[in-house]
């Protein structure tokens, strides 16, 4: 079976891959690991991760080889994420309020200067 990759940015016209596991982007980007960790994730990705965590809690006897993937560790990471998101939301609201106050003060100053020029 041949697998073509039309529409992929790195696709070469006419090139097909006999094995989808050898798709070159897997090697370029390292598989399923996150790439640019300085950009926010799509909320759909976060929602899918939360759904996956909820599904893991339903698995009886879930004991991963990696202790970082154990339920208590995953719950701790999720709690930290939720707290950081809440802090970000509050800080953004504070910044928005400060900007509104600055705009109001700028307009007051500008209007006062217009009156002084008259």
Protein backbone atom coordinates (compact mmCIF):
# COMPACT_ATOMS: atom_id res chain seq x y z
CA UNK A 1 0.00 0.00 0.00
CA UNK A 2 1.32 3.45 -0.88
CA UNK A 3 0.81 6.48 1.35
CA UNK A 4 1.00 9.85 -0.37
CA UNK A 5 1.17 13.07 1.60
CA UNK A 6 -0.62 15.70 -0.50
CA UNK A 7 -0.99 19.13 1.03
CA UNK A 8 1.80 18.67 3.54
CA UNK A 9 4.16 21.65 3.58
CA UNK A 10 7.23 19.43 3.30
CA UNK A 11 5.73 17.08 0.69
CA UNK A 12 7.74 16.31 -2.42
CA UNK A 13 5.57 15.88 -5.53
CA UNK A 14 5.28 12.27 -6.59
CA UNK A 15 7.04 10.90 -3.49
CA UNK A 16 5.19 8.11 -1.73
CA UNK A 17 6.05 6.19 1.41
CA UNK A 18 5.59 2.44 1.67
CA UNK A 19 5.41 2.55 5.43
CA UNK A 20 3.55 5.37 7.24
CA UNK A 21 5.80 4.83 10.25
CA UNK A 22 8.69 6.17 8.15
CA UNK A 23 6.91 9.43 7.39
CA UNK A 24 9.76 11.97 7.39
CA UNK A 25 8.06 14.53 9.64
CA UNK A 26 8.27 12.01 12.47
CA UNK A 27 12.04 12.25 12.29
CA UNK A 28 12.13 16.01 11.78
CA UNK A 29 9.80 16.83 14.66
CA UNK A 30 10.51 13.94 17.02
CA UNK A 31 7.20 12.12 16.88
CA UNK A 32 4.40 13.18 19.19
CA UNK A 33 6.39 15.44 21.51
CA UNK A 34 5.43 19.10 21.83
CA UNK A 35 7.43 21.36 19.56
CA UNK A 36 7.39 25.07 20.35
CA UNK A 37 6.77 25.16 24.07
CA UNK A 38 6.77 28.96 24.16
CA UNK A 39 3.36 29.19 22.47
CA UNK A 40 0.01 28.50 24.09
CA UNK A 41 -1.68 25.25 23.24
CA UNK A 42 -4.98 25.16 21.42
CA UNK A 43 -7.82 24.87 23.97
CA UNK A 44 -9.01 21.76 22.10
CA UNK A 45 -5.69 20.07 22.90
CA UNK A 46 -6.01 20.94 26.58
CA UNK A 47 -9.60 19.67 26.61
CA UNK A 48 -8.48 16.41 24.99
CA UNK A 49 -5.72 16.04 27.60
CA UNK A 50 -8.21 16.57 30.42
CA UNK A 51 -10.54 13.99 28.87
CA UNK A 52 -7.61 11.56 28.65
CA UNK A 53 -6.75 12.13 32.30
CA UNK A 54 -10.35 11.48 33.27
CA UNK A 55 -10.27 8.27 31.25
CA UNK A 56 -7.08 7.18 33.02
CA UNK A 57 -8.78 7.52 36.39
CA UNK A 58 -11.35 4.95 35.25
CA UNK A 59 -8.67 2.34 34.55
CA UNK A 60 -8.35 0.11 37.59
CA UNK A 61 -4.83 -0.94 38.39
CA UNK A 62 -3.22 1.76 36.22
CA UNK A 63 0.44 1.67 37.22
CA UNK A 64 2.74 3.18 34.59
CA UNK A 65 6.45 2.40 34.45
CA UNK A 66 7.20 6.13 34.51
CA UNK A 67 6.26 7.57 37.93
CA UNK A 68 5.71 10.98 36.30
CA UNK A 69 2.72 9.41 34.52
CA UNK A 70 1.10 8.10 37.70
CA UNK A 71 -2.30 9.58 38.55
CA UNK A 72 -1.13 11.61 41.58
CA UNK A 73 1.64 13.20 39.50
CA UNK A 74 -0.71 13.92 36.59
CA UNK A 75 -3.28 15.43 38.96
CA UNK A 76 -0.58 17.65 40.47
CA UNK A 77 0.48 18.88 37.03
CA UNK A 78 -3.15 19.55 36.06
CA UNK A 79 -3.73 21.48 39.29
CA UNK A 80 -0.63 23.58 38.63
CA UNK A 81 -1.84 24.27 35.08
CA UNK A 82 -5.28 25.32 36.30
CA UNK A 83 -3.76 27.64 38.93
CA UNK A 84 -1.42 29.20 36.33
CA UNK A 85 -4.32 29.73 33.93
CA UNK A 86 -6.38 31.39 36.68
CA UNK A 87 -3.46 33.67 37.56
CA UNK A 88 -2.99 34.54 33.89
CA UNK A 89 -6.67 35.43 33.57
CA UNK A 90 -6.52 37.66 36.67
CA UNK A 91 -3.32 39.38 35.52
CA UNK A 92 -4.84 39.98 32.08
CA UNK A 93 -7.92 41.53 33.71
CA UNK A 94 -5.63 43.73 35.84
CA UNK A 95 -3.68 44.78 32.74
CA UNK A 96 -6.91 45.55 30.88
CA UNK A 97 -8.13 47.68 33.79
CA UNK A 98 -4.80 49.53 33.95
CA UNK A 99 -4.95 50.18 30.22
CA UNK A 100 -8.51 51.52 30.53
CA UNK A 101 -7.39 53.87 33.32
CA UNK A 102 -4.41 55.05 31.24
CA UNK A 103 -6.64 55.70 28.21
CA UNK A 104 -9.06 57.68 30.37
CA UNK A 105 -6.19 59.75 31.82
CA UNK A 106 -4.71 60.35 28.34
CA UNK A 107 -8.05 61.62 27.04
CA UNK A 108 -8.51 63.86 30.09
CA UNK A 109 -5.06 65.34 29.51
CA UNK A 110 -5.65 65.73 25.76
CA UNK A 111 -9.02 67.41 26.28
CA UNK A 112 -7.50 69.73 28.88
CA UNK A 113 -4.74 70.68 26.43
CA UNK A 114 -7.32 71.33 23.68
CA UNK A 115 -9.21 73.61 26.07
CA UNK A 116 -5.97 75.41 27.01
CA UNK A 117 -5.14 75.97 23.31
CA UNK A 118 -8.53 77.61 22.75
